Amino acid sequence: MKDSDLDLDRYLLFTLNSELYATPLMGVREVVEMHKPKQIPHTVPSFIGVINIRGEIVGVLDLRLRLGYEAKRTPGESMMVFDMGSGAIAAIVDSMEGVLKIDSDAIDTKPSIESRLPLDFLIGVARLKDRLVTVIDLGKVLQKEEVRTLTLAVQKSA
């Protein structure tokens, strides 16, 4: 078994608005402390600016806003950095809860969910003991046009 096979069922758990979420661990490059982003005007509302991570300019996404929650800052926030093909994005989350193995049969990939947001990024809902966890693909949280807009904004700010 290869090391990459071991990561297929491992997920990074985090909270947003007191709700538990998970994303595949192999899609996350790193987790960093919250940095105050430099604001970039005329971008999508959930894109709140850019930060410098070891010399790389990285776009910052407020995952609360992107998922339809109220914009607010909370103590203990972190950033999950992930690649979007043309560059990295740092997604702000309320708190990190750790890494957990979730078997694929524990994830309902066709949950009955009504949403005003596109759900292309939804992998499913997992049952973990007494809690439900919304499993999302960070790489699909943004639409293609939004990725282009963010890439241009990051390039202009560099």
C-alpha atoms as a PDB file:
ATOM      1  CA  MET A   1       0.000   0.000   0.000  1.00  0.00           C
ATOM      2  CA  LYS A   2       1.350   3.426  -0.963  1.00  0.00           C
ATOM      3  CA  ASP A   3       1.397   6.395   1.420  1.00  0.00           C
ATOM      4  CA  SER A   4      -1.052   8.210  -0.869  1.00  0.00           C
ATOM      5  CA  ASP A   5      -3.533   5.332  -0.452  1.00  0.00           C
ATOM      6  CA  LEU A   6      -3.508   5.940   3.293  1.00  0.00           C
ATOM      7  CA  ASP A   7      -4.746   9.527   2.828  1.00  0.00           C
ATOM      8  CA  LEU A   8      -7.796   8.667   0.716  1.00  0.00           C
ATOM      9  CA  ASP A   9     -10.043   8.187   3.740  1.00  0.00           C
ATOM     10  CA  ARG A  10      -8.431  10.809   5.994  1.00  0.00           C
ATOM     11  CA  TYR A  11     -10.207  14.119   6.430  1.00  0.00           C
ATOM     12  CA  LEU A  12      -9.351  17.428   8.054  1.00  0.00           C
ATOM     13  CA  LEU A  13     -12.186  18.439  10.389  1.00  0.00           C
ATOM     14  CA  PHE A  14     -13.009  22.089  11.041  1.00  0.00           C
ATOM     15  CA  THR A  15     -15.889  24.239  12.253  1.00  0.00           C
ATOM     16  CA  LEU A  16     -17.813  27.077  10.674  1.00  0.00           C
ATOM     17  CA  ASN A  17     -20.699  28.749  12.476  1.00  0.00           C
ATOM     18  CA  SER A  18     -20.680  25.973  15.126  1.00  0.00           C
ATOM     19  CA  GLU A  19     -21.163  23.342  12.399  1.00  0.00           C
ATOM     20  CA  LEU A  20     -18.677  20.527  11.801  1.00  0.00           C
ATOM     21  CA  TYR A  21     -17.161  20.176   8.323  1.00  0.00           C
ATOM     22  CA  ALA A  22     -14.538  17.920   6.778  1.00  0.00           C
ATOM     23  CA  THR A  23     -12.436  18.046   3.633  1.00  0.00           C
ATOM     24  CA  PRO A  24     -10.122  15.386   2.188  1.00  0.00           C
ATOM     25  CA  LEU A  25      -6.715  15.753   3.821  1.00  0.00           C
ATOM     26  CA  MET A  26      -4.876  15.201   0.558  1.00  0.00           C
ATOM     27  CA  GLY A  27      -6.430  18.403  -0.828  1.00  0.00           C
ATOM     28  CA  VAL A  28      -4.980  20.579   1.952  1.00  0.00           C
ATOM     29  CA  ARG A  29      -1.421  21.826   1.546  1.00  0.00           C
ATOM     30  CA  GLU A  30      -1.069  23.210   5.081  1.00  0.00           C
ATOM     31  CA  VAL A  31      -2.836  24.905   7.967  1.00  0.00           C
ATOM     32  CA  VAL A  32      -1.533  28.305   9.078  1.00  0.00           C
ATOM     33  CA  GLU A  33      -2.386  30.813  11.777  1.00  0.00           C
ATOM     34  CA  MET A  34      -4.833  33.544  10.892  1.00  0.00           C
ATOM     35  CA  HIS A  35      -3.154  36.455   9.080  1.00  0.00           C
ATOM     36  CA  LYS A  36      -4.839  39.773   8.440  1.00  0.00           C
ATOM     37  CA  PRO A  37      -5.230  39.920   4.650  1.00  0.00           C
ATOM     38  CA  LYS A  38      -4.431  42.931   2.480  1.00  0.00           C
ATOM     39  CA  GLN A  39      -7.778  43.870   0.958  1.00  0.00           C
ATOM     40  CA  ILE A  40      -8.258  43.815  -2.808  1.00  0.00           C
ATOM     41  CA  PRO A  41     -11.154  45.932  -4.159  1.00  0.00           C
ATOM     42  CA  HIS A  42     -13.671  44.840  -6.804  1.00  0.00           C
ATOM     43  CA  THR A  43     -13.581  41.100  -6.159  1.00  0.00           C
ATOM     44  CA  VAL A  44     -16.246  38.583  -5.154  1.00  0.00           C
ATOM     45  CA  PRO A  45     -17.519  39.236  -1.590  1.00  0.00           C
ATOM     46  CA  SER A  46     -16.105  36.005  -0.145  1.00  0.00           C
ATOM     47  CA  PHE A  47     -12.595  36.854  -1.412  1.00  0.00           C
ATOM     48  CA  ILE A  48     -11.280  39.158   1.294  1.00  0.00           C
ATOM     49  CA  GLY A  49      -7.715  39.810   0.180  1.00  0.00           C
ATOM     50  CA  VAL A  50      -4.243  38.320  -0.047  1.00  0.00           C
ATOM     51  CA  ILE A  51      -1.529  37.233   2.373  1.00  0.00           C
ATOM     52  CA  ASN A  52       2.149  36.411   2.005  1.00  0.00           C
ATOM     53  CA  ILE A  53       3.098  32.866   3.014  1.00  0.00           C
ATOM     54  CA  ARG A  54       6.862  32.378   2.808  1.00  0.00           C
ATOM     55  CA  GLY A  55       7.129  34.638  -0.244  1.00  0.00           C
ATOM     56  CA  GLU A  56       4.041  33.311  -2.040  1.00  0.00           C
ATOM     57  CA  ILE A  57       1.069  35.640  -2.506  1.00  0.00           C
ATOM     58  CA  VAL A  58      -2.029  33.639  -1.570  1.00  0.00           C
ATOM     59  CA  GLY A  59      -5.662  34.649  -2.019  1.00  0.00           C
ATOM     60  CA  VAL A  60      -7.843  34.549   1.109  1.00  0.00           C
ATOM     61  CA  LEU A  61     -11.360  33.132   0.994  1.00  0.00           C
ATOM     62  CA  ASP A  62     -13.846  33.704   3.811  1.00  0.00           C
ATOM     63  CA  LEU A  63     -15.382  30.240   3.835  1.00  0.00           C
ATOM     64  CA  ARG A  64     -18.194  31.479   6.105  1.00  0.00           C
ATOM     65  CA  LEU A  65     -19.363  33.917   3.419  1.00  0.00           C
ATOM     66  CA  ARG A  66     -18.854  31.420   0.604  1.00  0.00           C
ATOM     67  CA  LEU A  67     -21.076  28.894   2.350  1.00  0.00           C
ATOM     68  CA  GLY A  68     -23.799  31.444   3.066  1.00  0.00           C
ATOM     69  CA  TYR A  69     -23.080  32.274   6.705  1.00  0.00           C
ATOM     70  CA  GLU A  70     -22.830  35.737   8.240  1.00  0.00           C
ATOM     71  CA  ALA A  71     -19.403  37.367   7.985  1.00  0.00           C
ATOM     72  CA  LYS A  72     -17.770  37.607  11.395  1.00  0.00           C
ATOM     73  CA  ARG A  73     -14.373  36.987  12.921  1.00  0.00           C
ATOM     74  CA  THR A  74     -14.012  34.547  15.798  1.00  0.00           C
ATOM     75  CA  PRO A  75     -11.150  33.831  18.206  1.00  0.00           C
ATOM     76  CA  GLY A  76      -9.079  30.805  17.234  1.00  0.00           C
ATOM     77  CA  GLU A  77      -9.548  31.162  13.483  1.00  0.00           C
ATOM     78  CA  SER A  78      -7.112  29.350  11.197  1.00  0.00           C
ATOM     79  CA  MET A  79      -6.469  29.175   7.478  1.00  0.00           C
ATOM     80  CA  MET A  80      -6.402  26.007   5.375  1.00  0.00           C
ATOM     81  CA  VAL A  81      -4.192  26.473   2.325  1.00  0.00           C
ATOM     82  CA  PHE A  82      -5.119  24.477  -0.770  1.00  0.00           C
ATOM     83  CA  ASP A  83      -4.171  24.588  -4.457  1.00  0.00           C
ATOM     84  CA  MET A  84      -6.586  25.794  -7.124  1.00  0.00           C
ATOM     85  CA  GLY A  85      -4.563  24.897 -10.214  1.00  0.00           C
ATOM     86  CA  SER A  86      -3.437  28.451 -10.966  1.00  0.00           C
ATOM     87  CA  GLY A  87      -2.423  29.248  -7.397  1.00  0.00           C
ATOM     88  CA  ALA A  88      -3.053  28.704  -3.730  1.00  0.00           C
ATOM     89  CA  ILE A  89      -6.068  29.841  -1.719  1.00  0.00           C
ATOM     90  CA  ALA A  90      -6.220  30.178   2.070  1.00  0.00           C
ATOM     91  CA  ALA A  91      -9.706  29.459   3.417  1.00  0.00           C
ATOM     92  CA  ILE A  92     -10.567  30.970   6.806  1.00  0.00           C
ATOM     93  CA  VAL A  93     -12.301  28.577   9.212  1.00  0.00           C
ATOM     94  CA  ASP A  94     -13.498  29.126  12.781  1.00  0.00           C
ATOM     95  CA  SER A  95     -11.430  26.330  14.318  1.00  0.00           C
ATOM     96  CA  MET A  96      -9.494  23.208  13.409  1.00  0.00           C
ATOM     97  CA  GLU A  97     -10.730  19.972  14.968  1.00  0.00           C
ATOM     98  CA  GLY A  98      -8.052  17.554  13.748  1.00  0.00           C
ATOM     99  CA  VAL A  99      -7.653  14.718  11.271  1.00  0.00           C
ATOM    100  CA  LEU A 100     -10.009  11.760  11.229  1.00  0.00           C
ATOM    101  CA  LYS A 101     -10.419   8.605   9.178  1.00  0.00           C
ATOM    102  CA  ILE A 102     -13.892   8.462   7.624  1.00  0.00           C
ATOM    103  CA  ASP A 103     -14.821   5.299   5.769  1.00  0.00           C
ATOM    104  CA  SER A 104     -16.461   5.945   2.409  1.00  0.00           C
ATOM    105  CA  ASP A 105     -19.523   3.920   3.442  1.00  0.00           C
ATOM    106  CA  ALA A 106     -20.091   6.390   6.310  1.00  0.00           C
ATOM    107  CA  ILE A 107     -20.616   9.231   3.797  1.00  0.00           C
ATOM    108  CA  ASP A 108     -24.076   9.738   2.304  1.00  0.00           C
ATOM    109  CA  THR A 109     -23.230  11.192  -1.115  1.00  0.00           C
ATOM    110  CA  LYS A 110     -26.845  11.997  -1.983  1.00  0.00           C
ATOM    111  CA  PRO A 111     -28.268  13.735   1.081  1.00  0.00           C
ATOM    112  CA  SER A 112     -31.604  15.540   0.832  1.00  0.00           C
ATOM    113  CA  ILE A 113     -30.414  19.121   1.104  1.00  0.00           C
ATOM    114  CA  GLU A 114     -32.060  22.290  -0.153  1.00  0.00           C
ATOM    115  CA  SER A 115     -29.693  25.185  -0.688  1.00  0.00           C
ATOM    116  CA  ARG A 116     -29.599  28.618  -2.239  1.00  0.00           C
ATOM    117  CA  LEU A 117     -25.929  28.014  -3.079  1.00  0.00           C
ATOM    118  CA  PRO A 118     -24.471  25.748  -5.757  1.00  0.00           C
ATOM    119  CA  LEU A 119     -23.595  22.428  -4.161  1.00  0.00           C
ATOM    120  CA  ASP A 120     -20.939  21.245  -6.633  1.00  0.00           C
ATOM    121  CA  PHE A 121     -18.446  21.201  -3.768  1.00  0.00           C
ATOM    122  CA  LEU A 122     -20.557  18.932  -1.537  1.00  0.00           C
ATOM    123  CA  ILE A 123     -19.133  15.419  -1.265  1.00  0.00           C
ATOM    124  CA  GLY A 124     -21.786  14.318   1.200  1.00  0.00           C
ATOM    125  CA  VAL A 125     -22.747  14.073   4.849  1.00  0.00           C
ATOM    126  CA  ALA A 126     -20.937  11.673   7.168  1.00  0.00           C
ATOM    127  CA  ARG A 127     -22.317  10.085  10.301  1.00  0.00           C
ATOM    128  CA  LEU A 128     -19.729  10.118  13.088  1.00  0.00           C
ATOM    129  CA  LYS A 129     -21.033   8.687  16.348  1.00  0.00           C
ATOM    130  CA  ASP A 130     -23.605  11.267  17.477  1.00  0.00           C
ATOM    131  CA  ARG A 131     -22.694  14.028  14.988  1.00  0.00           C
ATOM    132  CA  LEU A 132     -23.266  14.771  11.336  1.00  0.00           C
ATOM    133  CA  VAL A 133     -20.328  16.165   9.374  1.00  0.00           C
ATOM    134  CA  THR A 134     -20.703  18.019   6.080  1.00  0.00           C
ATOM    135  CA  VAL A 135     -17.926  16.795   3.776  1.00  0.00           C
ATOM    136  CA  ILE A 136     -16.806  19.303   1.125  1.00  0.00           C
ATOM    137  CA  ASP A 137     -14.217  19.468  -1.640  1.00  0.00           C
ATOM    138  CA  LEU A 138     -12.293  22.730  -1.172  1.00  0.00           C
ATOM    139  CA  GLY A 139     -11.088  22.567  -4.768  1.00  0.00           C
ATOM    140  CA  LYS A 140     -14.694  22.950  -5.963  1.00  0.00           C
ATOM    141  CA  VAL A 141     -15.863  25.648  -3.535  1.00  0.00           C
ATOM    142  CA  LEU A 142     -15.252  28.350  -6.142  1.00  0.00           C
ATOM    143  CA  GLN A 143     -16.786  28.463  -9.610  1.00  0.00           C
ATOM    144  CA  LYS A 144     -14.384  28.644 -12.597  1.00  0.00           C
ATOM    145  CA  GLU A 145     -15.144  32.323 -13.229  1.00  0.00           C
ATOM    146  CA  GLU A 146     -14.483  33.142  -9.570  1.00  0.00           C
ATOM    147  CA  VAL A 147     -11.137  31.325  -9.744  1.00  0.00           C
ATOM    148  CA  ARG A 148     -10.174  33.425 -12.797  1.00  0.00           C
ATOM    149  CA  THR A 149     -11.174  36.638 -11.012  1.00  0.00           C
ATOM    150  CA  LEU A 150      -9.209  35.698  -7.900  1.00  0.00           C
ATOM    151  CA  THR A 151      -6.157  34.660  -9.908  1.00  0.00           C
ATOM    152  CA  LEU A 152      -6.113  38.038 -11.666  1.00  0.00           C
ATOM    153  CA  ALA A 153      -6.541  39.891  -8.361  1.00  0.00           C
ATOM    154  CA  VAL A 154      -3.669  37.955  -6.773  1.00  0.00           C
ATOM    155  CA  GLN A 155      -1.426  38.560  -9.795  1.00  0.00           C
ATOM    156  CA  LYS A 156      -2.172  42.300  -9.743  1.00  0.00           C
ATOM    157  CA  SER A 157      -1.367  42.511  -6.028  1.00  0.00           C
ATOM    158  CA  ALA A 158       1.988  40.723  -6.364  1.00  0.00           C
END
